């Protein structure tokens, strides 16, 4: 039977030590990030209404768009993507709002 200490691949860092263990943080290739943003934006621009179900729209609005923009190292470029995406969000939200029946619109 092996010792329990052999179950763990690496030692835990000292909780109150001077240095904490260094972990590699994965940062995706920015070409992939740009391609993802471009694909999402093109889908939105070509749509006459939201091209996804409500839950997916909410996920993109609350998480994905900002996440992808934050992965770009050039903050000016990230802001340009945000501006383009926000413009499309406003457009698609306006279309969605105008196409709802009067009884389901919120005041």
N, C-alpha and C. Protein backbone atom coordinates (compact mmCIF):
# COMPACT_ATOMS: atom_id res chain seq x y z
N UNK A 1 0.84 -1.18 0.00
CA UNK A 1 0.00 0.00 0.00
C UNK A 1 0.89 1.25 0.00
N UNK A 2 0.55 2.24 -0.81
CA UNK A 2 1.37 3.44 -0.90
C UNK A 2 1.01 4.42 0.20
N UNK A 3 1.93 5.32 0.46
CA UNK A 3 1.70 6.35 1.46
C UNK A 3 0.73 7.39 0.93
N UNK A 4 -0.03 7.99 1.82
CA UNK A 4 -1.01 8.99 1.40
C UNK A 4 -0.34 10.21 0.79
N UNK A 5 0.83 10.58 1.20
CA UNK A 5 1.51 11.75 0.65
C UNK A 5 1.84 11.58 -0.82
N UNK A 6 1.88 10.37 -1.30
CA UNK A 6 2.18 10.11 -2.70
C UNK A 6 0.98 10.38 -3.60
N UNK A 7 -0.18 10.62 -3.03
CA UNK A 7 -1.37 10.88 -3.82
C UNK A 7 -1.36 12.26 -4.45
N UNK A 8 -0.59 13.16 -3.89
CA UNK A 8 -0.59 14.54 -4.36
C UNK A 8 0.62 14.80 -5.24
N UNK A 9 0.38 15.38 -6.41
CA UNK A 9 1.42 15.56 -7.41
C UNK A 9 2.47 16.59 -6.99
N UNK A 10 2.07 17.63 -6.30
CA UNK A 10 3.04 18.65 -5.90
C UNK A 10 2.72 19.11 -4.49
N UNK A 11 3.73 19.68 -3.87
CA UNK A 11 3.54 20.14 -2.51
C UNK A 11 2.75 21.44 -2.49
N UNK A 12 1.99 21.60 -1.45
CA UNK A 12 1.23 22.84 -1.28
C UNK A 12 2.18 23.91 -0.79
N UNK A 13 2.00 25.14 -1.28
CA UNK A 13 2.83 26.25 -0.83
C UNK A 13 2.55 26.59 0.61
N UNK A 14 3.50 27.24 1.25
CA UNK A 14 3.34 27.68 2.62
C UNK A 14 2.26 28.75 2.69
N UNK A 15 1.27 28.54 3.53
CA UNK A 15 0.14 29.46 3.61
C UNK A 15 0.58 30.87 3.96
N UNK A 16 1.58 31.01 4.82
CA UNK A 16 2.04 32.33 5.24
C UNK A 16 3.44 32.64 4.72
N UNK A 17 3.88 31.89 3.74
CA UNK A 17 5.23 32.05 3.22
C UNK A 17 5.40 33.32 2.39
N UNK A 18 6.61 33.63 2.10
CA UNK A 18 6.95 34.82 1.30
C UNK A 18 6.44 34.69 -0.14
N UNK A 19 6.63 33.53 -0.71
CA UNK A 19 6.26 33.34 -2.12
C UNK A 19 5.18 32.29 -2.24
N UNK A 20 4.25 32.56 -3.11
CA UNK A 20 3.23 31.57 -3.41
C UNK A 20 3.62 30.84 -4.69
N UNK A 21 3.11 29.66 -4.89
CA UNK A 21 3.45 28.93 -6.12
C UNK A 21 3.02 29.71 -7.36
N UNK A 22 3.82 29.65 -8.38
CA UNK A 22 3.51 30.33 -9.63
C UNK A 22 2.78 29.37 -10.56
N UNK A 23 1.61 29.79 -11.03
CA UNK A 23 0.82 28.98 -11.94
C UNK A 23 0.78 29.66 -13.28
N UNK A 24 0.81 28.86 -14.31
CA UNK A 24 0.69 29.39 -15.66
C UNK A 24 -0.76 29.72 -15.93
N UNK A 25 -1.00 30.90 -16.43
CA UNK A 25 -2.35 31.31 -16.79
C UNK A 25 -2.47 31.20 -18.29
N UNK A 26 -3.47 30.47 -18.74
CA UNK A 26 -3.67 30.32 -20.18
C UNK A 26 -4.27 31.59 -20.75
N UNK A 27 -3.66 32.11 -21.78
CA UNK A 27 -4.18 33.27 -22.49
C UNK A 27 -4.33 32.85 -23.94
N UNK A 28 -5.57 32.84 -24.44
CA UNK A 28 -5.77 32.39 -25.82
C UNK A 28 -5.11 33.32 -26.84
N UNK A 29 -4.82 32.77 -27.97
CA UNK A 29 -4.25 33.54 -29.08
C UNK A 29 -5.24 34.64 -29.46
N UNK A 30 -4.75 35.86 -29.58
CA UNK A 30 -5.63 36.99 -29.88
C UNK A 30 -6.29 36.88 -31.25
N UNK A 31 -5.70 36.13 -32.16
CA UNK A 31 -6.35 35.90 -33.46
C UNK A 31 -7.65 35.15 -33.26
N UNK A 32 -7.63 34.17 -32.36
CA UNK A 32 -8.85 33.42 -32.05
C UNK A 32 -9.91 34.34 -31.45
N UNK A 33 -9.47 35.21 -30.52
CA UNK A 33 -10.39 36.14 -29.87
C UNK A 33 -11.02 37.06 -30.91
N UNK A 34 -10.20 37.63 -31.79
CA UNK A 34 -10.72 38.52 -32.85
C UNK A 34 -11.69 37.79 -33.77
N UNK A 35 -11.34 36.56 -34.14
CA UNK A 35 -12.23 35.77 -35.01
C UNK A 35 -13.57 35.51 -34.33
N UNK A 36 -13.53 35.23 -33.03
CA UNK A 36 -14.77 35.00 -32.29
C UNK A 36 -15.61 36.27 -32.24
N UNK A 37 -14.97 37.40 -31.94
CA UNK A 37 -15.70 38.68 -31.90
C UNK A 37 -16.27 39.02 -33.27
N UNK A 38 -15.46 38.82 -34.31
CA UNK A 38 -15.91 39.12 -35.67
C UNK A 38 -17.10 38.25 -36.05
N UNK A 39 -17.04 36.97 -35.73
CA UNK A 39 -18.12 36.06 -36.06
C UNK A 39 -19.42 36.45 -35.33
N UNK A 40 -19.32 36.75 -34.04
CA UNK A 40 -20.50 37.17 -33.28
C UNK A 40 -21.08 38.47 -33.83
N UNK A 41 -20.20 39.43 -34.10
CA UNK A 41 -20.66 40.73 -34.59
C UNK A 41 -21.31 40.60 -35.97
N UNK A 42 -20.71 39.84 -36.87
CA UNK A 42 -21.30 39.64 -38.20
C UNK A 42 -22.66 38.97 -38.12
N UNK A 43 -22.79 38.01 -37.22
CA UNK A 43 -24.09 37.34 -37.05
C UNK A 43 -25.13 38.34 -36.56
N UNK A 44 -24.75 39.21 -35.65
CA UNK A 44 -25.67 40.22 -35.13
C UNK A 44 -26.03 41.24 -36.21
N UNK A 45 -25.03 41.69 -36.97
CA UNK A 45 -25.26 42.71 -37.99
C UNK A 45 -26.16 42.21 -39.11
N UNK A 46 -26.09 40.94 -39.42
CA UNK A 46 -26.90 40.41 -40.52
C UNK A 46 -28.30 39.99 -40.07
N UNK A 47 -28.54 40.04 -38.77
CA UNK A 47 -29.83 39.58 -38.24
C UNK A 47 -30.87 40.69 -38.22
N UNK A 48 -32.12 40.30 -38.43
CA UNK A 48 -33.25 41.23 -38.33
C UNK A 48 -33.90 41.14 -36.96
N UNK A 49 -33.45 40.19 -36.16
CA UNK A 49 -33.84 40.06 -34.75
C UNK A 49 -32.72 39.26 -34.09
N UNK A 50 -32.79 39.12 -32.78
CA UNK A 50 -31.72 38.39 -32.12
C UNK A 50 -31.57 37.00 -32.73
N UNK A 51 -30.35 36.62 -33.13
CA UNK A 51 -30.15 35.33 -33.80
C UNK A 51 -30.04 34.15 -32.84
N UNK A 52 -30.22 34.39 -31.54
CA UNK A 52 -30.12 33.32 -30.55
C UNK A 52 -31.34 33.33 -29.65
N UNK A 53 -31.52 32.23 -28.95
CA UNK A 53 -32.59 32.16 -27.95
C UNK A 53 -32.29 33.15 -26.82
N UNK A 54 -33.31 33.48 -26.05
CA UNK A 54 -33.19 34.49 -25.00
C UNK A 54 -32.06 34.19 -24.00
N UNK A 55 -31.94 32.94 -23.59
CA UNK A 55 -30.90 32.57 -22.63
C UNK A 55 -29.50 32.78 -23.21
N UNK A 56 -29.33 32.49 -24.48
CA UNK A 56 -28.04 32.67 -25.14
C UNK A 56 -27.73 34.16 -25.29
N UNK A 57 -28.73 34.95 -25.63
CA UNK A 57 -28.54 36.41 -25.73
C UNK A 57 -28.08 36.95 -24.39
N UNK A 58 -28.75 36.54 -23.32
CA UNK A 58 -28.39 37.00 -21.98
C UNK A 58 -26.96 36.60 -21.63
N UNK A 59 -26.58 35.36 -21.96
CA UNK A 59 -25.22 34.89 -21.69
C UNK A 59 -24.19 35.74 -22.44
N UNK A 60 -24.46 36.01 -23.72
CA UNK A 60 -23.54 36.84 -24.49
C UNK A 60 -23.44 38.25 -23.90
N UNK A 61 -24.58 38.84 -23.58
CA UNK A 61 -24.59 40.20 -23.05
C UNK A 61 -23.89 40.30 -21.69
N UNK A 62 -24.15 39.35 -20.82
CA UNK A 62 -23.64 39.42 -19.45
C UNK A 62 -22.21 38.91 -19.31
N UNK A 63 -21.78 38.03 -20.20
CA UNK A 63 -20.48 37.40 -20.00
C UNK A 63 -19.55 37.45 -21.21
N UNK A 64 -19.99 36.86 -22.31
CA UNK A 64 -19.08 36.57 -23.42
C UNK A 64 -18.46 37.80 -24.07
N UNK A 65 -19.27 38.81 -24.36
CA UNK A 65 -18.73 39.97 -25.07
C UNK A 65 -17.61 40.64 -24.27
N UNK A 66 -17.87 40.91 -22.99
CA UNK A 66 -16.84 41.55 -22.16
C UNK A 66 -15.64 40.64 -21.97
N UNK A 67 -15.90 39.35 -21.75
CA UNK A 67 -14.81 38.40 -21.56
C UNK A 67 -13.87 38.41 -22.76
N UNK A 68 -14.43 38.32 -23.95
CA UNK A 68 -13.60 38.31 -25.16
C UNK A 68 -12.85 39.62 -25.32
N UNK A 69 -13.52 40.74 -25.10
CA UNK A 69 -12.86 42.04 -25.23
C UNK A 69 -11.73 42.18 -24.22
N UNK A 70 -11.92 41.68 -23.02
CA UNK A 70 -10.88 41.77 -21.98
C UNK A 70 -9.66 40.92 -22.29
N UNK A 71 -9.79 39.96 -23.17
CA UNK A 71 -8.65 39.12 -23.55
C UNK A 71 -7.70 39.83 -24.52
N UNK A 72 -8.15 40.91 -25.11
CA UNK A 72 -7.30 41.65 -26.06
C UNK A 72 -6.32 42.52 -25.29
N UNK A 73 -5.06 42.50 -25.70
CA UNK A 73 -4.04 43.29 -25.00
C UNK A 73 -4.14 44.77 -25.35
N UNK A 74 -4.62 45.09 -26.54
CA UNK A 74 -4.78 46.48 -26.97
C UNK A 74 -6.14 46.98 -26.48
N UNK A 75 -6.13 47.79 -25.45
CA UNK A 75 -7.38 48.26 -24.82
C UNK A 75 -8.18 49.16 -25.75
N UNK A 76 -7.52 49.90 -26.61
CA UNK A 76 -8.23 50.73 -27.59
C UNK A 76 -9.00 49.85 -28.57
N UNK A 77 -8.37 48.78 -29.03
CA UNK A 77 -9.05 47.84 -29.92
C UNK A 77 -10.24 47.20 -29.20
N UNK A 78 -10.04 46.85 -27.94
CA UNK A 78 -11.13 46.25 -27.16
C UNK A 78 -12.32 47.19 -27.07
N UNK A 79 -12.05 48.48 -26.86
CA UNK A 79 -13.13 49.47 -26.78
C UNK A 79 -13.85 49.63 -28.11
N UNK A 80 -13.12 49.52 -29.21
CA UNK A 80 -13.74 49.60 -30.53
C UNK A 80 -14.70 48.42 -30.73
N UNK A 81 -14.27 47.23 -30.34
CA UNK A 81 -15.15 46.05 -30.42
C UNK A 81 -16.37 46.24 -29.55
N UNK A 82 -16.16 46.73 -28.32
CA UNK A 82 -17.29 46.97 -27.41
C UNK A 82 -18.30 47.94 -28.01
N UNK A 83 -17.79 49.01 -28.60
CA UNK A 83 -18.67 50.03 -29.19
C UNK A 83 -19.51 49.42 -30.33
N UNK A 84 -18.88 48.64 -31.19
CA UNK A 84 -19.59 48.01 -32.31
C UNK A 84 -20.64 47.01 -31.80
N UNK A 85 -20.24 46.23 -30.81
CA UNK A 85 -21.17 45.24 -30.25
C UNK A 85 -22.33 45.93 -29.53
N UNK A 86 -22.03 46.96 -28.75
CA UNK A 86 -23.10 47.68 -28.04
C UNK A 86 -24.07 48.33 -29.02
N UNK A 87 -23.56 48.83 -30.13
CA UNK A 87 -24.43 49.41 -31.16
C UNK A 87 -25.42 48.36 -31.66
N UNK A 88 -24.93 47.16 -31.92
CA UNK A 88 -25.80 46.08 -32.40
C UNK A 88 -26.75 45.60 -31.32
N UNK A 89 -26.29 45.57 -30.08
CA UNK A 89 -27.18 45.19 -28.97
C UNK A 89 -28.36 46.16 -28.90
N UNK A 90 -28.07 47.46 -28.97
CA UNK A 90 -29.14 48.46 -28.93
C UNK A 90 -30.11 48.28 -30.10
N UNK A 91 -29.56 48.04 -31.29
CA UNK A 91 -30.40 47.86 -32.47
C UNK A 91 -31.30 46.63 -32.33
N UNK A 92 -30.71 45.52 -31.94
CA UNK A 92 -31.48 44.28 -31.82
C UNK A 92 -32.48 44.34 -30.67
N UNK A 93 -32.09 44.98 -29.57
CA UNK A 93 -33.04 45.16 -28.46
C UNK A 93 -34.23 46.01 -28.89
N UNK A 94 -33.98 47.06 -29.67
CA UNK A 94 -35.06 47.92 -30.15
C UNK A 94 -36.01 47.14 -31.06
N UNK A 95 -35.46 46.32 -31.93
CA UNK A 95 -36.30 45.49 -32.82
C UNK A 95 -37.10 44.51 -31.98
N UNK A 96 -36.44 43.89 -31.02
CA UNK A 96 -37.11 42.92 -30.16
C UNK A 96 -38.24 43.58 -29.37
N UNK A 97 -37.98 44.76 -28.85
CA UNK A 97 -38.99 45.50 -28.07
C UNK A 97 -40.18 45.90 -28.94
N UNK A 98 -39.90 46.34 -30.16
CA UNK A 98 -41.00 46.78 -31.04
C UNK A 98 -41.82 45.60 -31.58
N UNK A 99 -41.25 44.41 -31.58
CA UNK A 99 -41.99 43.27 -32.12
C UNK A 99 -42.80 42.54 -31.06
N UNK A 100 -42.64 42.89 -29.79
CA UNK A 100 -43.42 42.26 -28.72
C UNK A 100 -44.85 42.77 -28.75
N UNK A 101 -45.79 41.92 -28.37
CA UNK A 101 -47.17 42.38 -28.24
C UNK A 101 -47.27 43.43 -27.13
N UNK A 102 -48.18 44.36 -27.30
CA UNK A 102 -48.34 45.47 -26.34
C UNK A 102 -48.54 44.99 -24.92
N UNK A 103 -49.22 43.87 -24.73
CA UNK A 103 -49.50 43.38 -23.38
C UNK A 103 -48.27 42.86 -22.66
N UNK A 104 -47.21 42.47 -23.40
CA UNK A 104 -46.01 41.93 -22.76
C UNK A 104 -44.89 42.96 -22.63
N UNK A 105 -45.07 44.18 -23.13
CA UNK A 105 -44.04 45.20 -23.01
C UNK A 105 -44.02 45.74 -21.60
N UNK A 106 -42.81 46.01 -21.11
CA UNK A 106 -42.68 46.57 -19.76
C UNK A 106 -42.65 48.08 -19.85
N UNK A 107 -43.13 48.72 -18.82
CA UNK A 107 -43.21 50.19 -18.82
C UNK A 107 -41.91 50.80 -18.43
